[in-house]
Amino acid sequence: MEEILKKLESEREFITAVIELRVTPAPGAGFDKLASRICKYPQVLSLRLMSGGYDFSLTVEGKSIKDIANFVSEKLSTMDGVVGTATHFELKKYKDNGVVLSADDTDNREMITF
């Protein structure tokens, strides 16, 4: 697994990760106050309130795995109300924004220019 992640870092300009965040909502403010704070970080591409085993799902981007790890340990984990994280690194995209990504397929959509 470590070899795969190192290869990913060398081939890509950025590393993408999905982070599951378990939190204790702030009294009187619920999840919104913490969400507002998390949204301010430029590393955070998306933030969603979830049902189930964790509260927030974050998609983050960094220059390296270490960059994302530092963001989690220095920024997210230290926030009041955060009780746990789980980080999942993207290994390969098969479909993105409705487009199936494959070496055999080409994107046949027409380009729109202005």
PDB file of N, CA and C in Angstrom:
ATOM      1  N   MET A   1       0.826  -1.188   0.000  1.00  0.00           N
ATOM      2  CA  MET A   1       0.000   0.000   0.000  1.00  0.00           C
ATOM      3  C   MET A   1       0.872   1.254   0.000  1.00  0.00           C
ATOM      4  N   GLU A   2       1.923   1.239   0.793  1.00  0.00           N
ATOM      5  CA  GLU A   2       2.809   2.403   0.873  1.00  0.00           C
ATOM      6  C   GLU A   2       3.453   2.689  -0.477  1.00  0.00           C
ATOM      7  N   GLU A   3       3.814   1.635  -1.223  1.00  0.00           N
ATOM      8  CA  GLU A   3       4.410   1.812  -2.543  1.00  0.00           C
ATOM      9  C   GLU A   3       3.418   2.458  -3.507  1.00  0.00           C
ATOM     10  N   ILE A   4       2.164   2.049  -3.417  1.00  0.00           N
ATOM     11  CA  ILE A   4       1.132   2.620  -4.282  1.00  0.00           C
ATOM     12  C   ILE A   4       0.978   4.107  -3.990  1.00  0.00           C
ATOM     13  N   LEU A   5       0.948   4.471  -2.707  1.00  0.00           N
ATOM     14  CA  LEU A   5       0.784   5.873  -2.333  1.00  0.00           C
ATOM     15  C   LEU A   5       1.975   6.713  -2.782  1.00  0.00           C
ATOM     16  N   LYS A   6       3.191   6.181  -2.665  1.00  0.00           N
ATOM     17  CA  LYS A   6       4.378   6.909  -3.118  1.00  0.00           C
ATOM     18  C   LYS A   6       4.332   7.124  -4.630  1.00  0.00           C
ATOM     19  N   LYS A   7       3.892   6.099  -5.364  1.00  0.00           N
ATOM     20  CA  LYS A   7       3.786   6.226  -6.811  1.00  0.00           C
ATOM     21  C   LYS A   7       2.748   7.279  -7.169  1.00  0.00           C
ATOM     22  N   LEU A   8       1.653   7.272  -6.445  1.00  0.00           N
ATOM     23  CA  LEU A   8       0.610   8.280  -6.671  1.00  0.00           C
ATOM     24  C   LEU A   8       1.152   9.684  -6.485  1.00  0.00           C
ATOM     25  N   GLU A   9       1.905   9.882  -5.417  1.00  0.00           N
ATOM     26  CA  GLU A   9       2.481  11.202  -5.145  1.00  0.00           C
ATOM     27  C   GLU A   9       3.400  11.646  -6.267  1.00  0.00           C
ATOM     28  N   SER A  10       4.186  10.728  -6.816  1.00  0.00           N
ATOM     29  CA  SER A  10       5.138  11.104  -7.855  1.00  0.00           C
ATOM     30  C   SER A  10       4.445  11.380  -9.188  1.00  0.00           C
ATOM     31  N   GLU A  11       3.275  10.783  -9.435  1.00  0.00           N
ATOM     32  CA  GLU A  11       2.579  10.948 -10.706  1.00  0.00           C
ATOM     33  C   GLU A  11       1.587  12.101 -10.707  1.00  0.00           C
ATOM     34  N   ARG A  12       1.128  12.524  -9.552  1.00  0.00           N
ATOM     35  CA  ARG A  12       0.095  13.545  -9.484  1.00  0.00           C
ATOM     36  C   ARG A  12       0.621  14.822  -8.861  1.00  0.00           C
ATOM     37  N   GLU A  13       0.042  15.897  -9.290  1.00  0.00           N
ATOM     38  CA  GLU A  13       0.416  17.185  -8.724  1.00  0.00           C
ATOM     39  C   GLU A  13      -0.155  17.346  -7.324  1.00  0.00           C
ATOM     40  N   PHE A  14      -1.351  16.778  -7.102  1.00  0.00           N
ATOM     41  CA  PHE A  14      -2.008  16.859  -5.809  1.00  0.00           C
ATOM     42  C   PHE A  14      -2.524  15.499  -5.379  1.00  0.00           C
ATOM     43  N   ILE A  15      -2.655  15.343  -4.083  1.00  0.00           N
ATOM     44  CA  ILE A  15      -3.238  14.143  -3.490  1.00  0.00           C
ATOM     45  C   ILE A  15      -4.611  14.526  -2.960  1.00  0.00           C
ATOM     46  N   THR A  16      -5.605  13.684  -3.195  1.00  0.00           N
ATOM     47  CA  THR A  16      -6.957  13.923  -2.706  1.00  0.00           C
ATOM     48  C   THR A  16      -7.291  12.890  -1.646  1.00  0.00           C
ATOM     49  N   ALA A  17      -7.975  13.333  -0.596  1.00  0.00           N
ATOM     50  CA  ALA A  17      -8.386  12.429   0.474  1.00  0.00           C
ATOM     51  C   ALA A  17      -9.813  12.770   0.898  1.00  0.00           C
ATOM     52  N   VAL A  18     -10.513  11.751   1.366  1.00  0.00           N
ATOM     53  CA  VAL A  18     -11.818  11.940   1.992  1.00  0.00           C
ATOM     54  C   VAL A  18     -11.612  11.698   3.477  1.00  0.00           C
ATOM     55  N   ILE A  19     -12.058  12.640   4.282  1.00  0.00           N
ATOM     56  CA  ILE A  19     -11.887  12.548   5.729  1.00  0.00           C
ATOM     57  C   ILE A  19     -13.251  12.453   6.389  1.00  0.00           C
ATOM     58  N   GLU A  20     -13.429  11.409   7.190  1.00  0.00           N
ATOM     59  CA  GLU A  20     -14.628  11.267   8.007  1.00  0.00           C
ATOM     60  C   GLU A  20     -14.340  11.954   9.334  1.00  0.00           C
ATOM     61  N   LEU A  21     -15.247  12.804   9.763  1.00  0.00           N
ATOM     62  CA  LEU A  21     -15.042  13.567  10.985  1.00  0.00           C
ATOM     63  C   LEU A  21     -16.209  13.328  11.934  1.00  0.00           C
ATOM     64  N   ARG A  22     -15.883  12.884  13.148  1.00  0.00           N
ATOM     65  CA  ARG A  22     -16.892  12.753  14.208  1.00  0.00           C
ATOM     66  C   ARG A  22     -16.737  13.938  15.138  1.00  0.00           C
ATOM     67  N   VAL A  23     -17.854  14.599  15.441  1.00  0.00           N
ATOM     68  CA  VAL A  23     -17.805  15.810  16.251  1.00  0.00           C
ATOM     69  C   VAL A  23     -18.897  15.803  17.312  1.00  0.00           C
ATOM     70  N   THR A  24     -18.734  16.682  18.285  1.00  0.00           N
ATOM     71  CA  THR A  24     -19.784  16.994  19.249  1.00  0.00           C
ATOM     72  C   THR A  24     -20.291  18.378  18.873  1.00  0.00           C
ATOM     73  N   PRO A  25     -21.565  18.484  18.478  1.00  0.00           N
ATOM     74  CA  PRO A  25     -22.083  19.791  18.055  1.00  0.00           C
ATOM     75  C   PRO A  25     -22.012  20.821  19.178  1.00  0.00           C
ATOM     76  N   ALA A  26     -21.776  22.075  18.802  1.00  0.00           N
ATOM     77  CA  ALA A  26     -21.699  23.165  19.768  1.00  0.00           C
ATOM     78  C   ALA A  26     -23.098  23.475  20.307  1.00  0.00           C
ATOM     79  N   PRO A  27     -23.224  23.649  21.618  1.00  0.00           N
ATOM     80  CA  PRO A  27     -24.530  23.995  22.193  1.00  0.00           C
ATOM     81  C   PRO A  27     -25.079  25.274  21.570  1.00  0.00           C
ATOM     82  N   GLY A  28     -26.315  25.229  21.128  1.00  0.00           N
ATOM     83  CA  GLY A  28     -26.958  26.396  20.546  1.00  0.00           C
ATOM     84  C   GLY A  28     -26.618  26.666  19.096  1.00  0.00           C
ATOM     85  N   ALA A  29     -25.524  26.102  18.590  1.00  0.00           N
ATOM     86  CA  ALA A  29     -25.105  26.361  17.209  1.00  0.00           C
ATOM     87  C   ALA A  29     -25.147  25.102  16.353  1.00  0.00           C
ATOM     88  N   GLY A  30     -25.262  23.946  16.996  1.00  0.00           N
ATOM     89  CA  GLY A  30     -25.284  22.693  16.243  1.00  0.00           C
ATOM     90  C   GLY A  30     -24.002  22.466  15.461  1.00  0.00           C
ATOM     91  N   PHE A  31     -24.158  21.962  14.260  1.00  0.00           N
ATOM     92  CA  PHE A  31     -23.008  21.653  13.409  1.00  0.00           C
ATOM     93  C   PHE A  31     -22.527  22.860  12.605  1.00  0.00           C
ATOM     94  N   ASP A  32     -23.384  23.866  12.473  1.00  0.00           N
ATOM     95  CA  ASP A  32     -23.089  24.988  11.577  1.00  0.00           C
ATOM     96  C   ASP A  32     -21.836  25.775  11.955  1.00  0.00           C
ATOM     97  N   LYS A  33     -21.623  26.006  13.218  1.00  0.00           N
ATOM     98  CA  LYS A  33     -20.461  26.795  13.650  1.00  0.00           C
ATOM     99  C   LYS A  33     -19.151  26.097  13.266  1.00  0.00           C
ATOM    100  N   LEU A  34     -19.081  24.808  13.532  1.00  0.00           N
ATOM    101  CA  LEU A  34     -17.882  24.041  13.196  1.00  0.00           C
ATOM    102  C   LEU A  34     -17.718  23.941  11.677  1.00  0.00           C
ATOM    103  N   ALA A  35     -18.811  23.736  10.972  1.00  0.00           N
ATOM    104  CA  ALA A  35     -18.758  23.653   9.504  1.00  0.00           C
ATOM    105  C   ALA A  35     -18.237  24.955   8.908  1.00  0.00           C
ATOM    106  N   SER A  36     -18.699  26.059   9.430  1.00  0.00           N
ATOM    107  CA  SER A  36     -18.256  27.362   8.948  1.00  0.00           C
ATOM    108  C   SER A  36     -16.754  27.532   9.116  1.00  0.00           C
ATOM    109  N   ARG A  37     -16.245  27.065  10.222  1.00  0.00           N
ATOM    110  CA  ARG A  37     -14.808  27.160  10.504  1.00  0.00           C
ATOM    111  C   ARG A  37     -13.995  26.260   9.564  1.00  0.00           C
ATOM    112  N   ILE A  38     -14.477  25.047   9.347  1.00  0.00           N
ATOM    113  CA  ILE A  38     -13.768  24.092   8.487  1.00  0.00           C
ATOM    114  C   ILE A  38     -13.748  24.580   7.038  1.00  0.00           C
ATOM    115  N   CYS A  39     -14.843  25.177   6.592  1.00  0.00           N
ATOM    116  CA  CYS A  39     -14.947  25.660   5.202  1.00  0.00           C
ATOM    117  C   CYS A  39     -13.907  26.718   4.851  1.00  0.00           C
ATOM    118  N   LYS A  40     -13.375  27.392   5.828  1.00  0.00           N
ATOM    119  CA  LYS A  40     -12.415  28.476   5.575  1.00  0.00           C
ATOM    120  C   LYS A  40     -11.047  27.971   5.118  1.00  0.00           C
ATOM    121  N   TYR A  41     -10.744  26.704   5.357  1.00  0.00           N
ATOM    122  CA  TYR A  41      -9.440  26.170   4.961  1.00  0.00           C
ATOM    123  C   TYR A  41      -9.404  25.925   3.455  1.00  0.00           C
ATOM    124  N   PRO A  42      -8.368  26.419   2.774  1.00  0.00           N
ATOM    125  CA  PRO A  42      -8.291  26.240   1.320  1.00  0.00           C
ATOM    126  C   PRO A  42      -8.113  24.782   0.897  1.00  0.00           C
ATOM    127  N   GLN A  43      -7.625  23.929   1.787  1.00  0.00           N
ATOM    128  CA  GLN A  43      -7.445  22.508   1.469  1.00  0.00           C
ATOM    129  C   GLN A  43      -8.787  21.791   1.294  1.00  0.00           C
ATOM    130  N   VAL A  44      -9.850  22.344   1.885  1.00  0.00           N
ATOM    131  CA  VAL A  44     -11.161  21.691   1.896  1.00  0.00           C
ATOM    132  C   VAL A  44     -11.884  22.003   0.593  1.00  0.00           C
ATOM    133  N   LEU A  45     -12.062  20.967  -0.233  1.00  0.00           N
ATOM    134  CA  LEU A  45     -12.767  21.116  -1.503  1.00  0.00           C
ATOM    135  C   LEU A  45     -14.273  20.990  -1.320  1.00  0.00           C
ATOM    136  N   SER A  46     -14.693  20.129  -0.400  1.00  0.00           N
ATOM    137  CA  SER A  46     -16.122  19.971  -0.116  1.00  0.00           C
ATOM    138  C   SER A  46     -16.296  19.535   1.334  1.00  0.00           C
ATOM    139  N   LEU A  47     -17.457  19.869   1.876  1.00  0.00           N
ATOM    140  CA  LEU A  47     -17.800  19.521   3.255  1.00  0.00           C
ATOM    141  C   LEU A  47     -19.286  19.193   3.286  1.00  0.00           C
ATOM    142  N   ARG A  48     -19.614  18.017   3.805  1.00  0.00           N
ATOM    143  CA  ARG A  48     -21.001  17.573   3.859  1.00  0.00           C
ATOM    144  C   ARG A  48     -21.335  17.054   5.246  1.00  0.00           C
ATOM    145  N   LEU A  49     -22.532  17.389   5.725  1.00  0.00           N
ATOM    146  CA  LEU A  49     -23.063  16.810   6.955  1.00  0.00           C
ATOM    147  C   LEU A  49     -23.683  15.468   6.577  1.00  0.00           C
ATOM    148  N   MET A  50     -23.338  14.419   7.303  1.00  0.00           N
ATOM    149  CA  MET A  50     -23.739  13.063   6.943  1.00  0.00           C
ATOM    150  C   MET A  50     -24.595  12.431   8.036  1.00  0.00           C
ATOM    151  N   SER A  51     -25.345  11.426   7.660  1.00  0.00           N
ATOM    152  CA  SER A  51     -26.003  10.572   8.641  1.00  0.00           C
ATOM    153  C   SER A  51     -25.144   9.308   8.765  1.00  0.00           C
ATOM    154  N   GLY A  52     -25.319   8.577   9.848  1.00  0.00           N
ATOM    155  CA  GLY A  52     -24.570   7.328   9.993  1.00  0.00           C
ATOM    156  C   GLY A  52     -23.484   7.398  11.036  1.00  0.00           C
ATOM    157  N   GLY A  53     -22.357   6.742  10.757  1.00  0.00           N
ATOM    158  CA  GLY A  53     -21.295   6.555  11.731  1.00  0.00           C
ATOM    159  C   GLY A  53     -20.392   7.749  11.972  1.00  0.00           C
ATOM    160  N   TYR A  54     -20.484   8.770  11.147  1.00  0.00           N
ATOM    161  CA  TYR A  54     -19.697   9.982  11.346  1.00  0.00           C
ATOM    162  C   TYR A  54     -20.545  11.181  10.951  1.00  0.00           C
ATOM    163  N   ASP A  55     -20.093  12.370  11.296  1.00  0.00           N
ATOM    164  CA  ASP A  55     -20.907  13.569  11.118  1.00  0.00           C
ATOM    165  C   ASP A  55     -20.602  14.348   9.840  1.00  0.00           C
ATOM    166  N   PHE A  56     -19.324  14.554   9.551  1.00  0.00           N
ATOM    167  CA  PHE A  56     -18.933  15.314   8.370  1.00  0.00           C
ATOM    168  C   PHE A  56     -18.097  14.455   7.439  1.00  0.00           C
ATOM    169  N   SER A  57     -18.246  14.714   6.152  1.00  0.00           N
ATOM    170  CA  SER A  57     -17.378  14.135   5.137  1.00  0.00           C
ATOM    171  C   SER A  57     -16.693  15.301   4.439  1.00  0.00           C
ATOM    172  N   LEU A  58     -15.372  15.305   4.473  1.00  0.00           N
ATOM    173  CA  LEU A  58     -14.588  16.363   3.841  1.00  0.00           C
ATOM    174  C   LEU A  58     -13.804  15.766   2.687  1.00  0.00           C
ATOM    175  N   THR A  59     -13.748  16.468   1.584  1.00  0.00           N
ATOM    176  CA  THR A  59     -12.822  16.127   0.517  1.00  0.00           C
ATOM    177  C   THR A  59     -11.751  17.202   0.558  1.00  0.00           C
ATOM    178  N   VAL A  60     -10.512  16.765   0.720  1.00  0.00           N
ATOM    179  CA  VAL A  60      -9.403  17.712   0.832  1.00  0.00           C
ATOM    180  C   VAL A  60      -8.334  17.391  -0.197  1.00  0.00           C
ATOM    181  N   GLU A  61      -7.518  18.395  -0.482  1.00  0.00           N
ATOM    182  CA  GLU A  61      -6.450  18.235  -1.444  1.00  0.00           C
ATOM    183  C   GLU A  61      -5.164  18.792  -0.844  1.00  0.00           C
ATOM    184  N   GLY A  62      -4.062  18.119  -1.098  1.00  0.00           N
ATOM    185  CA  GLY A  62      -2.760  18.566  -0.615  1.00  0.00           C
ATOM    186  C   GLY A  62      -1.675  18.210  -1.598  1.00  0.00           C
ATOM    187  N   LYS A  63      -0.496  18.747  -1.367  1.00  0.00           N
ATOM    188  CA  LYS A  63       0.638  18.482  -2.250  1.00  0.00           C
ATOM    189  C   LYS A  63       1.228  17.097  -2.021  1.00  0.00           C
ATOM    190  N   SER A  64       0.991  16.547  -0.824  1.00  0.00           N
ATOM    191  CA  SER A  64       1.536  15.232  -0.494  1.00  0.00           C
ATOM    192  C   SER A  64       0.681  14.592   0.604  1.00  0.00           C
ATOM    193  N   ILE A  65       0.928  13.334   0.847  1.00  0.00           N
ATOM    194  CA  ILE A  65       0.240  12.646   1.937  1.00  0.00           C
ATOM    195  C   ILE A  65       0.599  13.306   3.267  1.00  0.00           C
ATOM    196  N   LYS A  66       1.856  13.677   3.401  1.00  0.00           N
ATOM    197  CA  LYS A  66       2.297  14.346   4.627  1.00  0.00           C
ATOM    198  C   LYS A  66       1.577  15.674   4.813  1.00  0.00           C
ATOM    199  N   ASP A  67       1.361  16.395   3.727  1.00  0.00           N
ATOM    200  CA  ASP A  67       0.644  17.665   3.775  1.00  0.00           C
ATOM    201  C   ASP A  67      -0.781  17.461   4.326  1.00  0.00           C
ATOM    202  N   ILE A  68      -1.461  16.453   3.844  1.00  0.00           N
ATOM    203  CA  ILE A  68      -2.811  16.155   4.327  1.00  0.00           C
ATOM    204  C   ILE A  68      -2.769  15.672   5.772  1.00  0.00           C
ATOM    205  N   ALA A  69      -1.804  14.829   6.096  1.00  0.00           N
ATOM    206  CA  ALA A  69      -1.665  14.332   7.474  1.00  0.00           C
ATOM    207  C   ALA A  69      -1.441  15.494   8.445  1.00  0.00           C
ATOM    208  N   ASN A  70      -0.611  16.450   8.048  1.00  0.00           N
ATOM    209  CA  ASN A  70      -0.381  17.629   8.895  1.00  0.00           C
ATOM    210  C   ASN A  70      -1.649  18.459   9.052  1.00  0.00           C
ATOM    211  N   PHE A  71      -2.411  18.596   7.988  1.00  0.00           N
ATOM    212  CA  PHE A  71      -3.677  19.330   8.062  1.00  0.00           C
ATOM    213  C   PHE A  71      -4.618  18.659   9.070  1.00  0.00           C
ATOM    214  N   VAL A  72      -4.709  17.343   9.004  1.00  0.00           N
ATOM    215  CA  VAL A  72      -5.582  16.622   9.934  1.00  0.00           C
ATOM    216  C   VAL A  72      -5.088  16.770  11.367  1.00  0.00           C
ATOM    217  N   SER A  73      -3.795  16.550  11.591  1.00  0.00           N
ATOM    218  CA  SER A  73      -3.282  16.551  12.966  1.00  0.00           C
ATOM    219  C   SER A  73      -3.145  17.950  13.567  1.00  0.00           C
ATOM    220  N   GLU A  74      -2.845  18.949  12.747  1.00  0.00           N
ATOM    221  CA  GLU A  74      -2.617  20.297  13.279  1.00  0.00           C
ATOM    222  C   GLU A  74      -3.847  21.201  13.231  1.00  0.00           C
ATOM    223  N   LYS A  75      -4.738  20.969  12.289  1.00  0.00           N
ATOM    224  CA  LYS A  75      -5.900  21.851  12.132  1.00  0.00           C
ATOM    225  C   LYS A  75      -7.196  21.179  12.594  1.00  0.00           C
ATOM    226  N   LEU A  76      -7.546  20.059  11.973  1.00  0.00           N
ATOM    227  CA  LEU A  76      -8.841  19.425  12.277  1.00  0.00           C
ATOM    228  C   LEU A  76      -8.894  18.822  13.672  1.00  0.00           C
ATOM    229  N   SER A  77      -7.916  18.017  14.004  1.00  0.00           N
ATOM    230  CA  SER A  77      -7.942  17.290  15.283  1.00  0.00           C
ATOM    231  C   SER A  77      -7.887  18.199  16.495  1.00  0.00           C
ATOM    232  N   THR A  78      -7.368  19.394  16.323  1.00  0.00           N
ATOM    233  CA  THR A  78      -7.222  20.306  17.458  1.00  0.00           C
ATOM    234  C   THR A  78      -8.446  21.198  17.678  1.00  0.00           C
ATOM    235  N   MET A  79      -9.422  21.132  16.786  1.00  0.00           N
ATOM    236  CA  MET A  79     -10.629  21.959  16.921  1.00  0.00           C
ATOM    237  C   MET A  79     -11.497  21.469  18.075  1.00  0.00           C
ATOM    238  N   ASP A  80     -12.058  22.415  18.819  1.00  0.00           N
ATOM    239  CA  ASP A  80     -13.015  22.056  19.864  1.00  0.00           C
ATOM    240  C   ASP A  80     -14.210  21.365  19.230  1.00  0.00           C
ATOM    241  N   GLY A  81     -14.591  20.248  19.792  1.00  0.00           N
ATOM    242  CA  GLY A  81     -15.741  19.509  19.297  1.00  0.00           C
ATOM    243  C   GLY A  81     -15.385  18.322  18.430  1.00  0.00           C
ATOM    244  N   VAL A  82     -14.168  18.271  17.893  1.00  0.00           N
ATOM    245  CA  VAL A  82     -13.763  17.139  17.057  1.00  0.00           C
ATOM    246  C   VAL A  82     -13.369  15.980  17.971  1.00  0.00           C
ATOM    247  N   VAL A  83     -14.022  14.831  17.772  1.00  0.00           N
ATOM    248  CA  VAL A  83     -13.731  13.678  18.628  1.00  0.00           C
ATOM    249  C   VAL A  83     -13.063  12.530  17.872  1.00  0.00           C
ATOM    250  N   GLY A  84     -13.020  12.591  16.543  1.00  0.00           N
ATOM    251  CA  GLY A  84     -12.357  11.528  15.803  1.00  0.00           C
ATOM    252  C   GLY A  84     -12.312  11.797  14.312  1.00  0.00           C
ATOM    253  N   THR A  85     -11.280  11.247  13.661  1.00  0.00           N
ATOM    254  CA  THR A  85     -11.130  11.381  12.217  1.00  0.00           C
ATOM    255  C   THR A  85     -10.752  10.031  11.615  1.00  0.00           C
ATOM    256  N   ALA A  86     -11.066   9.872  10.348  1.00  0.00           N
ATOM    257  CA  ALA A  86     -10.592   8.733   9.559  1.00  0.00           C
ATOM    258  C   ALA A  86     -10.294   9.273   8.167  1.00  0.00           C
ATOM    259  N   THR A  87      -9.066   9.070   7.703  1.00  0.00           N
ATOM    260  CA  THR A  87      -8.635   9.632   6.425  1.00  0.00           C
ATOM    261  C   THR A  87      -8.476   8.517   5.403  1.00  0.00           C
ATOM    262  N   HIS A  88      -9.056   8.734   4.221  1.00  0.00           N
ATOM    263  CA  HIS A  88      -9.005   7.770   3.120  1.00  0.00           C
ATOM    264  C   HIS A  88      -8.402   8.474   1.906  1.00  0.00           C
ATOM    265  N   PHE A  89      -7.281   7.957   1.395  1.00  0.00           N
ATOM    266  CA  PHE A  89      -6.613   8.576   0.255  1.00  0.00           C
ATOM    267  C   PHE A  89      -7.151   8.012  -1.058  1.00  0.00           C
ATOM    268  N   GLU A  90      -7.381   8.908  -1.999  1.00  0.00           N
ATOM    269  CA  GLU A  90      -7.869   8.504  -3.316  1.00  0.00           C
ATOM    270  C   GLU A  90      -6.735   7.816  -4.069  1.00  0.00           C
ATOM    271  N   LEU A  91      -6.992   6.621  -4.568  1.00  0.00           N
ATOM    272  CA  LEU A  91      -5.989   5.879  -5.319  1.00  0.00           C
ATOM    273  C   LEU A  91      -6.180   6.008  -6.823  1.00  0.00           C
ATOM    274  N   LYS A  92      -7.458   6.004  -7.258  1.00  0.00           N
ATOM    275  CA  LYS A  92      -7.730   6.088  -8.687  1.00  0.00           C
ATOM    276  C   LYS A  92      -9.164   6.547  -8.890  1.00  0.00           C
ATOM    277  N   LYS A  93      -9.375   7.397  -9.888  1.00  0.00           N
ATOM    278  CA  LYS A  93     -10.725   7.829 -10.240  1.00  0.00           C
ATOM    279  C   LYS A  93     -11.215   6.999 -11.418  1.00  0.00           C
ATOM    280  N   TYR A  94     -12.443   6.506 -11.307  1.00  0.00           N
ATOM    281  CA  TYR A  94     -13.075   5.791 -12.407  1.00  0.00           C
ATOM    282  C   TYR A  94     -14.155   6.635 -13.070  1.00  0.00           C
ATOM    283  N   LYS A  95     -14.742   7.544 -12.286  1.00  0.00           N
ATOM    284  CA  LYS A  95     -15.773   8.431 -12.805  1.00  0.00           C
ATOM    285  C   LYS A  95     -15.677   9.736 -12.026  1.00  0.00           C
ATOM    286  N   ASP A  96     -15.758  10.853 -12.734  1.00  0.00           N
ATOM    287  CA  ASP A  96     -15.656  12.150 -12.081  1.00  0.00           C
ATOM    288  C   ASP A  96     -16.622  13.126 -12.736  1.00  0.00           C
ATOM    289  N   ASN A  97     -17.489  13.718 -11.911  1.00  0.00           N
ATOM    290  CA  ASN A  97     -18.478  14.682 -12.407  1.00  0.00           C
ATOM    291  C   ASN A  97     -19.278  14.148 -13.587  1.00  0.00           C
ATOM    292  N   GLY A  98     -19.690  12.895 -13.505  1.00  0.00           N
ATOM    293  CA  GLY A  98     -20.525  12.294 -14.537  1.00  0.00           C
ATOM    294  C   GLY A  98     -19.772  11.741 -15.729  1.00  0.00           C
ATOM    295  N   VAL A  99     -18.457  11.907 -15.764  1.00  0.00           N
ATOM    296  CA  VAL A  99     -17.655  11.428 -16.883  1.00  0.00           C
ATOM    297  C   VAL A  99     -16.883  10.189 -16.453  1.00  0.00           C
ATOM    298  N   VAL A 100     -17.071   9.088 -17.200  1.00  0.00           N
ATOM    299  CA  VAL A 100     -16.327   7.865 -16.924  1.00  0.00           C
ATOM    300  C   VAL A 100     -14.909   8.051 -17.440  1.00  0.00           C
ATOM    301  N   LEU A 101     -13.938   7.801 -16.574  1.00  0.00           N
ATOM    302  CA  LEU A 101     -12.533   7.980 -16.925  1.00  0.00           C
ATOM    303  C   LEU A 101     -11.919   6.623 -17.238  1.00  0.00           C
ATOM    304  N   SER A 102     -11.402   6.470 -18.439  1.00  0.00           N
ATOM    305  CA  SER A 102     -10.793   5.215 -18.840  1.00  0.00           C
ATOM    306  C   SER A 102      -9.775   5.497 -19.935  1.00  0.00           C
ATOM    307  N   ALA A 103      -8.718   4.700 -19.975  1.00  0.00           N
ATOM    308  CA  ALA A 103      -7.701   4.873 -21.009  1.00  0.00           C
ATOM    309  C   ALA A 103      -8.258   4.532 -22.382  1.00  0.00           C
ATOM    310  N   ASP A 104      -9.257   3.645 -22.443  1.00  0.00           N
ATOM    311  CA  ASP A 104      -9.830   3.220 -23.717  1.00  0.00           C
ATOM    312  C   ASP A 104     -10.872   4.194 -24.249  1.00  0.00           C
ATOM    313  N   ASP A 105     -11.535   4.906 -23.355  1.00  0.00           N
ATOM    314  CA  ASP A 105     -12.609   5.802 -23.762  1.00  0.00           C
ATOM    315  C   ASP A 105     -12.087   7.224 -23.922  1.00  0.00           C
ATOM    316  N   THR A 106     -12.691   7.935 -24.838  1.00  0.00           N
ATOM    317  CA  THR A 106     -12.389   9.350 -24.981  1.00  0.00           C
ATOM    318  C   THR A 106     -13.635  10.134 -24.631  1.00  0.00           C
ATOM    319  N   ASP A 107     -13.458  11.333 -24.202  1.00  0.00           N
ATOM    320  CA  ASP A 107     -14.576  12.209 -23.869  1.00  0.00           C
ATOM    321  C   ASP A 107     -15.091  12.795 -25.171  1.00  0.00           C
ATOM    322  N   ASN A 108     -16.283  12.361 -25.597  1.00  0.00           N
ATOM    323  CA  ASN A 108     -16.833  12.782 -26.876  1.00  0.00           C
ATOM    324  C   ASN A 108     -17.761  13.988 -26.770  1.00  0.00           C
ATOM    325  N   ARG A 109     -17.752  14.637 -25.613  1.00  0.00           N
ATOM    326  CA  ARG A 109     -18.591  15.825 -25.477  1.00  0.00           C
ATOM    327  C   ARG A 109     -18.006  16.951 -26.324  1.00  0.00           C
ATOM    328  N   GLU A 110     -18.899  17.798 -26.843  1.00  0.00           N
ATOM    329  CA  GLU A 110     -18.442  18.937 -27.621  1.00  0.00           C
ATOM    330  C   GLU A 110     -17.947  20.029 -26.675  1.00  0.00           C
ATOM    331  N   MET A 111     -16.858  20.696 -27.096  1.00  0.00           N
ATOM    332  CA  MET A 111     -16.308  21.762 -26.282  1.00  0.00           C
ATOM    333  C   MET A 111     -17.157  23.021 -26.472  1.00  0.00           C
ATOM    334  N   ILE A 112     -17.419  23.686 -25.374  1.00  0.00           N
ATOM    335  CA  ILE A 112     -18.161  24.942 -25.424  1.00  0.00           C
ATOM    336  C   ILE A 112     -17.176  26.064 -25.202  1.00  0.00           C
ATOM    337  N   THR A 113     -17.142  27.004 -26.121  1.00  0.00           N
ATOM    338  CA  THR A 113     -16.243  28.144 -25.973  1.00  0.00           C
ATOM    339  C   THR A 113     -17.037  29.429 -26.057  1.00  0.00           C
ATOM    340  N   PHE A 114     -16.526  30.457 -25.461  1.00  0.00           N
ATOM    341  CA  PHE A 114     -17.180  31.766 -25.446  1.00  0.00           C
ATOM    342  C   PHE A 114     -16.312  32.774 -26.124  1.00  0.00           C
TER     343      PHE A 114
END
